[in-house]
């Protein structure tokens, strides 16, 4: 029976074989973990598809790490004989002689640069998809572009720091030039930075979201169709798409006609003859507006006494701000038809001119 020291010695002599076996097991797991998750868990199909996207880069990383680890271990006799039998040293010498000296001298840094770039690209593209899906499901779709940009910048910064460390470049020597470059870039991109922080402020204040109908201080109004880090796109009632920088929206006055989700009031003003009965006029106007008001019963008020008419106001309520113009037209047409059917006159300004005395004539 093998005692403890002999077992330890045997394991040390078989480190490379054990590492190869473990690498094969891990490689099989990498290429089959998606099937296990699909069969035994409730993970969504989108998540499984994202995991499959990392199989290639994960396998390459495992291979590189395993080769680096094996190269630093003592070579056992069986592996040395195998390498000699396939003329391994001669092949390696031929490859080294073929490659440029720069590549040979910096093989480790070059390998990590390529592998790190591959990892960074996959982490960025796959991460953006996961973030967009996760944020839209649990929070708000308007914040997804912001989180994606923060994620992309973080991945890029980590990759740059890794590469600088591998190539022996001190970060301290880049602080001063980076500061100057940062000032120049910040000055030239100040509008972009202002738009970015403007989007953060708009989201923090919950000013509006996609689908809301808003009115701006400049007079532009429309439905919010898209919100990005830089700008917001409105679709006006004419169907035009207007792109407005978020910095301008953050600094201006915004009237949200859709938030909170409630009804909107429409007002119409009409004048009737002084000979009409005000009580009857109110009933006629109420009955005309009742089928149009989408939320509450319409309201009718005698507003004022005009020069030639009694002025009434009619109020109805609608669900969507985009319905204002067609509902206004429908309401005014209904009021006109109702007053005409009831025989109530809609007066218009008149002026009477009276001439006293006879008109002089020329006598011959």
Protein backbone atom coordinates (compact mmCIF):
# COMPACT_ATOMS: atom_id res chain seq x y z
CA UNK A 1 0.00 0.00 0.00
CA UNK A 2 1.39 3.37 -0.99
CA UNK A 3 2.05 5.63 1.98
CA UNK A 4 1.57 9.42 2.12
CA UNK A 5 5.04 10.62 1.02
CA UNK A 6 5.09 8.21 -1.92
CA UNK A 7 1.63 9.44 -3.02
CA UNK A 8 2.77 13.06 -2.84
CA UNK A 9 5.88 12.28 -4.85
CA UNK A 10 3.81 10.47 -7.45
CA UNK A 11 1.39 13.38 -7.74
CA UNK A 12 4.28 15.85 -8.15
CA UNK A 13 5.72 13.71 -10.93
CA UNK A 14 2.36 13.63 -12.70
CA UNK A 15 1.46 17.33 -12.42
CA UNK A 16 1.46 17.89 -16.15
CA UNK A 17 -0.72 14.84 -16.83
CA UNK A 18 -3.18 15.92 -14.15
CA UNK A 19 -3.31 19.47 -15.54
CA UNK A 20 -4.00 18.14 -19.04
CA UNK A 21 -6.85 16.00 -17.72
CA UNK A 22 -8.32 18.90 -15.76
CA UNK A 23 -8.07 21.16 -18.81
CA UNK A 24 -9.95 18.62 -20.92
CA UNK A 25 -12.66 18.32 -18.27
CA UNK A 26 -13.00 22.11 -18.08
CA UNK A 27 -13.12 22.39 -21.86
CA UNK A 28 -15.92 19.82 -22.03
CA UNK A 29 -17.76 21.69 -19.29
CA UNK A 30 -17.40 25.00 -21.17
CA UNK A 31 -18.95 23.50 -24.29
CA UNK A 32 -21.74 21.66 -22.46
CA UNK A 33 -22.73 24.02 -19.63
CA UNK A 34 -25.40 25.59 -21.87
CA UNK A 35 -27.10 22.20 -22.27
CA UNK A 36 -27.03 21.61 -18.52
CA UNK A 37 -28.54 25.02 -17.81
CA UNK A 38 -31.20 24.54 -20.46
CA UNK A 39 -32.20 21.12 -19.12
CA UNK A 40 -31.99 21.54 -15.35
CA UNK A 41 -32.61 25.25 -14.70
CA UNK A 42 -35.12 27.94 -15.64
CA UNK A 43 -32.52 30.21 -17.26
CA UNK A 44 -33.90 32.17 -20.22
CA UNK A 45 -32.93 31.35 -23.79
CA UNK A 46 -31.29 34.77 -24.14
CA UNK A 47 -28.95 34.07 -21.21
CA UNK A 48 -28.01 30.67 -22.61
CA UNK A 49 -27.25 32.27 -25.97
CA UNK A 50 -25.00 34.82 -24.23
CA UNK A 51 -23.12 32.00 -22.47
CA UNK A 52 -22.58 30.24 -25.79
CA UNK A 53 -21.01 33.40 -27.15
CA UNK A 54 -18.19 33.10 -24.61
CA UNK A 55 -17.27 29.48 -25.38
CA UNK A 56 -14.60 30.29 -27.95
CA UNK A 57 -12.76 32.91 -25.94
CA UNK A 58 -13.08 30.86 -22.74
CA UNK A 59 -11.55 27.81 -24.46
CA UNK A 60 -8.68 29.88 -25.87
CA UNK A 61 -8.00 31.37 -22.43
CA UNK A 62 -8.01 27.93 -20.83
CA UNK A 63 -5.57 26.64 -23.44
CA UNK A 64 -3.17 29.55 -22.99
CA UNK A 65 -3.25 29.37 -19.20
CA UNK A 66 -2.67 25.61 -19.29
CA UNK A 67 0.29 25.91 -21.68
CA UNK A 68 1.87 28.67 -19.60
CA UNK A 69 1.48 26.64 -16.42
CA UNK A 70 2.86 23.47 -18.04
CA UNK A 71 5.88 25.32 -19.44
CA UNK A 72 6.89 26.35 -15.91
CA UNK A 73 6.71 22.82 -14.50
CA UNK A 74 9.51 20.19 -14.55
CA UNK A 75 9.15 18.03 -17.66
CA UNK A 76 8.58 14.34 -16.77
CA UNK A 77 10.52 11.62 -18.58
CA UNK A 78 7.54 10.31 -20.55
CA UNK A 79 6.72 13.80 -21.87
CA UNK A 80 10.36 14.52 -22.73
CA UNK A 81 10.57 11.27 -24.69
CA UNK A 82 7.33 12.11 -26.49
CA UNK A 83 8.60 15.56 -27.44
CA UNK A 84 11.87 14.12 -28.70
CA UNK A 85 10.06 11.48 -30.74
CA UNK A 86 8.03 14.10 -32.65
CA UNK A 87 11.10 16.35 -33.02
CA UNK A 88 9.53 18.97 -30.79
CA UNK A 89 12.73 20.98 -30.11
CA UNK A 90 13.54 21.22 -33.82
CA UNK A 91 10.02 22.38 -34.68
CA UNK A 92 10.07 24.94 -31.86
CA UNK A 93 13.47 26.22 -32.99
CA UNK A 94 12.17 26.55 -36.54
CA UNK A 95 9.13 28.54 -35.41
CA UNK A 96 11.27 30.81 -33.24
CA UNK A 97 13.69 31.38 -36.11
CA UNK A 98 10.84 32.23 -38.48
CA UNK A 99 9.17 34.77 -36.20
CA UNK A 100 10.49 38.34 -35.89
CA UNK A 101 12.71 38.98 -32.90
CA UNK A 102 10.21 41.52 -31.54
CA UNK A 103 7.53 38.84 -31.40
CA UNK A 104 9.84 36.31 -29.75
CA UNK A 105 11.08 38.76 -27.12
CA UNK A 106 7.58 40.00 -26.30
CA UNK A 107 5.58 36.84 -26.85
CA UNK A 108 3.93 36.98 -23.44
CA UNK A 109 2.84 40.61 -23.74
CA UNK A 110 1.61 40.09 -27.29
CA UNK A 111 -0.36 37.01 -26.32
CA UNK A 112 -2.02 38.77 -23.40
CA UNK A 113 -2.76 41.82 -25.59
CA UNK A 114 -4.51 39.73 -28.23
CA UNK A 115 -6.33 37.55 -25.72
CA UNK A 116 -7.24 40.57 -23.58
CA UNK A 117 -8.58 42.42 -26.62
CA UNK A 118 -10.68 39.40 -27.52
CA UNK A 119 -12.04 39.18 -23.99
CA UNK A 120 -12.73 42.93 -23.84
CA UNK A 121 -14.62 42.87 -27.13
CA UNK A 122 -16.78 39.93 -26.08
CA UNK A 123 -17.40 41.38 -22.64
CA UNK A 124 -18.48 44.68 -24.20
CA UNK A 125 -20.81 43.30 -26.88
CA UNK A 126 -22.32 40.53 -24.78
CA UNK A 127 -22.46 42.75 -21.71
CA UNK A 128 -24.39 45.45 -23.56
CA UNK A 129 -27.04 42.90 -24.56
CA UNK A 130 -27.36 41.54 -21.03
CA UNK A 131 -27.51 45.04 -19.52
CA UNK A 132 -30.14 46.22 -21.99
CA UNK A 133 -32.36 43.22 -21.33
CA UNK A 134 -31.86 43.26 -17.55
CA UNK A 135 -32.34 47.01 -17.10
CA UNK A 136 -35.40 47.18 -19.35
CA UNK A 137 -37.05 44.29 -17.50
CA UNK A 138 -36.35 45.42 -13.94
CA UNK A 139 -35.93 49.19 -14.13
CA UNK A 140 -36.48 51.58 -17.02
CA UNK A 141 -35.46 51.33 -20.65
CA UNK A 142 -34.36 54.98 -20.62
CA UNK A 143 -31.44 54.21 -18.30
CA UNK A 144 -30.18 51.26 -20.38
CA UNK A 145 -28.02 53.40 -22.76
CA UNK A 146 -26.44 55.16 -19.79
CA UNK A 147 -25.53 51.89 -18.04
CA UNK A 148 -24.20 50.47 -21.32
CA UNK A 149 -21.90 53.46 -21.81
CA UNK A 150 -20.57 53.18 -18.26
CA UNK A 151 -19.96 49.46 -18.83
CA UNK A 152 -18.13 50.09 -22.13
CA UNK A 153 -15.89 52.75 -20.58
CA UNK A 154 -15.08 50.46 -17.62
CA UNK A 155 -14.12 47.56 -19.91
CA UNK A 156 -11.96 49.84 -22.07
CA UNK A 157 -10.20 51.33 -19.03
CA UNK A 158 -9.49 47.88 -17.53
CA UNK A 159 -8.11 46.65 -20.86
CA UNK A 160 -5.83 49.69 -21.26
CA UNK A 161 -4.46 49.32 -17.71
CA UNK A 162 -3.79 45.60 -18.33
CA UNK A 163 -1.92 46.30 -21.57
CA UNK A 164 0.14 49.09 -20.04
CA UNK A 165 1.17 46.80 -17.19
CA UNK A 166 2.13 43.98 -19.56
CA UNK A 167 4.30 46.27 -21.71
CA UNK A 168 6.01 47.79 -18.69
CA UNK A 169 4.64 51.28 -19.16
CA UNK A 170 4.29 53.17 -15.89
CA UNK A 171 0.92 54.79 -15.43
CA UNK A 172 2.53 57.62 -13.44
CA UNK A 173 4.41 58.82 -16.54
CA UNK A 174 1.11 59.19 -18.37
CA UNK A 175 -0.68 61.20 -15.72
CA UNK A 176 0.49 64.64 -16.87
CA UNK A 177 -0.09 64.06 -20.62
CA UNK A 178 -3.43 62.41 -19.85
CA UNK A 179 -4.44 65.44 -17.81
CA UNK A 180 -3.63 67.79 -20.68
CA UNK A 181 -5.39 65.54 -23.20
CA UNK A 182 -8.36 65.28 -20.84
CA UNK A 183 -8.67 69.07 -20.68
CA UNK A 184 -8.52 69.36 -24.46
CA UNK A 185 -11.02 66.56 -25.03
CA UNK A 186 -13.27 67.86 -22.27
CA UNK A 187 -13.29 71.35 -23.79
CA UNK A 188 -13.97 70.10 -27.30
CA UNK A 189 -16.62 67.62 -26.13
CA UNK A 190 -18.25 69.83 -23.52
CA UNK A 191 -21.62 69.62 -25.30
CA UNK A 192 -21.46 65.84 -25.33
CA UNK A 193 -20.59 65.81 -21.62
CA UNK A 194 -23.42 68.27 -20.93
CA UNK A 195 -25.85 66.04 -22.83
CA UNK A 196 -24.69 62.99 -20.86
CA UNK A 197 -25.20 64.64 -17.46
CA UNK A 198 -28.43 66.15 -18.75
CA UNK A 199 -29.73 62.66 -19.49
CA UNK A 200 -28.78 61.58 -15.97
CA UNK A 201 -30.68 64.53 -14.48
CA UNK A 202 -33.74 63.87 -16.61
CA UNK A 203 -33.77 60.23 -15.55
CA UNK A 204 -33.21 61.03 -11.87
CA UNK A 205 -36.10 63.51 -11.93
CA UNK A 206 -38.30 61.08 -13.88
CA UNK A 207 -39.24 63.97 -16.15
CA UNK A 208 -40.63 61.83 -18.96
CA UNK A 209 -40.32 58.41 -20.58
CA UNK A 210 -40.96 56.88 -23.97
CA UNK A 211 -44.54 57.33 -25.09
CA UNK A 212 -45.15 60.51 -23.07
CA UNK A 213 -46.52 63.61 -24.79
CA UNK A 214 -44.52 66.67 -23.73
CA UNK A 215 -44.52 70.39 -24.52
CA UNK A 216 -41.28 72.38 -24.48
CA UNK A 217 -40.66 75.99 -23.59
CA UNK A 218 -39.73 76.66 -27.21
CA UNK A 219 -43.24 75.69 -28.33
CA UNK A 220 -42.31 72.25 -29.72
CA UNK A 221 -44.61 69.46 -28.60
CA UNK A 222 -44.80 65.80 -29.43
CA UNK A 223 -44.57 62.20 -28.29
CA UNK A 224 -41.24 60.91 -26.96
CA UNK A 225 -40.09 58.20 -29.36
CA UNK A 226 -36.48 57.62 -28.27
CA UNK A 227 -34.19 58.65 -25.42
CA UNK A 228 -30.43 58.25 -25.75
CA UNK A 229 -27.43 59.49 -23.83
CA UNK A 230 -27.06 62.47 -26.17
CA UNK A 231 -30.55 63.47 -27.23
CA UNK A 232 -34.30 62.87 -27.15
CA UNK A 233 -36.42 62.32 -30.26
CA UNK A 234 -39.95 63.76 -30.39
CA UNK A 235 -42.61 62.98 -32.97
CA UNK A 236 -44.83 66.02 -33.49
CA UNK A 237 -48.51 65.92 -34.36
CA UNK A 238 -47.48 66.61 -37.96
CA UNK A 239 -45.48 63.37 -37.95
CA UNK A 240 -42.05 65.05 -37.99
CA UNK A 241 -39.19 63.64 -35.88
CA UNK A 242 -37.38 66.35 -33.91
CA UNK A 243 -34.06 65.57 -32.20
CA UNK A 244 -33.34 67.75 -29.15
CA UNK A 245 -30.08 67.64 -27.11
CA UNK A 246 -30.63 66.53 -23.53
CA UNK A 247 -28.68 69.52 -22.21
CA UNK A 248 -31.31 71.87 -23.65
CA UNK A 249 -34.13 69.78 -22.20
CA UNK A 250 -32.46 69.76 -18.80
CA UNK A 251 -32.15 73.54 -18.75
CA UNK A 252 -35.59 74.36 -20.21
CA UNK A 253 -39.17 74.08 -19.03
CA UNK A 254 -40.96 70.83 -19.89
CA UNK A 255 -44.69 70.23 -19.54
CA UNK A 256 -45.48 66.53 -19.44
CA UNK A 257 -49.02 65.95 -20.67
CA UNK A 258 -48.89 62.23 -19.97
CA UNK A 259 -47.38 62.00 -16.50
CA UNK A 260 -48.89 61.24 -14.11
CA UNK A 261 -51.13 58.97 -16.15
CA UNK A 262 -54.41 60.85 -15.98
CA UNK A 263 -56.95 62.68 -18.13
CA UNK A 264 -56.58 65.96 -20.00
CA UNK A 265 -59.14 68.77 -20.27
CA UNK A 266 -60.31 70.47 -23.47
CA UNK A 267 -62.12 73.80 -23.42
CA UNK A 268 -64.49 75.27 -26.00
CA UNK A 269 -66.11 78.72 -25.84
CA UNK A 270 -69.42 79.63 -27.51
CA UNK A 271 -71.68 82.71 -27.48
CA UNK A 272 -75.50 82.59 -27.71
CA UNK A 273 -78.17 85.21 -28.05
CA UNK A 274 -79.35 87.17 -25.00
CA UNK A 275 -82.89 86.09 -25.87
CA UNK A 276 -82.05 82.43 -25.11
CA UNK A 277 -82.83 80.80 -21.75
CA UNK A 278 -79.44 80.22 -20.00
CA UNK A 279 -80.71 77.08 -18.23
CA UNK A 280 -81.87 75.56 -21.51
CA UNK A 281 -78.61 76.51 -23.24
CA UNK A 282 -76.62 74.79 -20.49
CA UNK A 283 -78.66 71.60 -20.85
CA UNK A 284 -78.27 71.56 -24.63
CA UNK A 285 -74.50 72.06 -24.44
CA UNK A 286 -74.15 69.39 -21.75
CA UNK A 287 -76.09 66.83 -23.81
CA UNK A 288 -73.98 67.64 -26.90
CA UNK A 289 -70.66 67.20 -25.07
CA UNK A 290 -71.60 64.11 -23.01
CA UNK A 291 -70.76 61.49 -25.70
CA UNK A 292 -67.39 63.13 -26.36
CA UNK A 293 -65.94 63.38 -22.84
CA UNK A 294 -63.87 60.21 -22.25
CA UNK A 295 -63.38 60.43 -18.49
CA UNK A 296 -65.76 62.72 -16.56
CA UNK A 297 -69.12 64.27 -17.26
CA UNK A 298 -68.74 67.47 -19.24
CA UNK A 299 -69.03 70.78 -17.45
CA UNK A 300 -70.84 73.87 -18.79
CA UNK A 301 -70.47 77.34 -17.27
CA UNK A 302 -71.86 80.75 -18.13
CA UNK A 303 -68.56 82.52 -18.44
CA UNK A 304 -69.34 86.17 -19.13
CA UNK A 305 -71.73 88.68 -20.64
CA UNK A 306 -70.32 89.73 -23.98
CA UNK A 307 -71.21 92.74 -26.10
CA UNK A 308 -73.62 90.76 -28.22
CA UNK A 309 -73.83 87.29 -26.63
CA UNK A 310 -73.91 85.22 -23.48
CA UNK A 311 -70.53 83.44 -23.40
CA UNK A 312 -70.55 79.79 -22.26
CA UNK A 313 -67.59 77.47 -21.65
CA UNK A 314 -67.75 73.73 -22.26
CA UNK A 315 -65.16 71.37 -20.75
CA UNK A 316 -64.57 67.74 -21.76
CA UNK A 317 -61.79 65.29 -20.80
CA UNK A 318 -59.69 62.97 -22.96
CA UNK A 319 -57.29 60.10 -22.28
CA UNK A 320 -54.43 60.85 -24.69
CA UNK A 321 -52.93 64.27 -25.48
CA UNK A 322 -52.62 63.29 -29.16
CA UNK A 323 -56.46 63.25 -29.36
CA UNK A 324 -56.76 66.98 -28.60
CA UNK A 325 -57.18 68.31 -32.15
CA UNK A 326 -59.72 65.72 -33.42
CA UNK A 327 -61.71 65.93 -30.17
CA UNK A 328 -61.77 69.75 -30.34
CA UNK A 329 -63.17 69.51 -33.85
CA UNK A 330 -65.73 66.91 -32.82
CA UNK A 331 -66.82 68.99 -29.81
CA UNK A 332 -67.26 72.21 -31.78
CA UNK A 333 -69.22 70.43 -34.50
CA UNK A 334 -71.49 68.80 -31.89
CA UNK A 335 -72.10 72.16 -30.18
CA UNK A 336 -73.00 73.83 -33.47
CA UNK A 337 -75.41 71.08 -34.51
CA UNK A 338 -77.07 70.98 -31.08
CA UNK A 339 -77.66 74.75 -30.95
CA UNK A 340 -78.95 74.75 -34.50
CA UNK A 341 -81.36 71.89 -33.76
CA UNK A 342 -82.59 73.63 -30.59
CA UNK A 343 -83.20 76.91 -32.44
CA UNK A 344 -80.73 78.81 -30.28
CA UNK A 345 -79.10 81.66 -32.16
CA UNK A 346 -75.35 82.09 -32.32
CA UNK A 347 -75.06 85.87 -32.76
CA UNK A 348 -72.31 87.79 -34.43
CA UNK A 349 -71.25 91.40 -33.87
CA UNK A 350 -73.58 93.89 -35.58
CA UNK A 351 -73.52 97.64 -35.89
CA UNK A 352 -76.53 99.86 -36.67
CA UNK A 353 -76.04 103.27 -38.27
CA UNK A 354 -78.88 105.85 -38.03
CA UNK A 355 -78.85 108.99 -40.16
CA UNK A 356 -80.91 111.97 -38.90
CA UNK A 357 -82.21 114.66 -41.27
CA UNK A 358 -82.69 114.87 -44.97
CA UNK A 359 -79.93 114.39 -47.38
CA UNK A 360 -79.14 117.71 -49.11
CA UNK A 361 -79.59 117.82 -52.86
CA UNK A 362 -78.24 120.17 -55.49
CA UNK A 363 -80.76 122.57 -57.01
CA UNK A 364 -80.21 123.92 -60.41
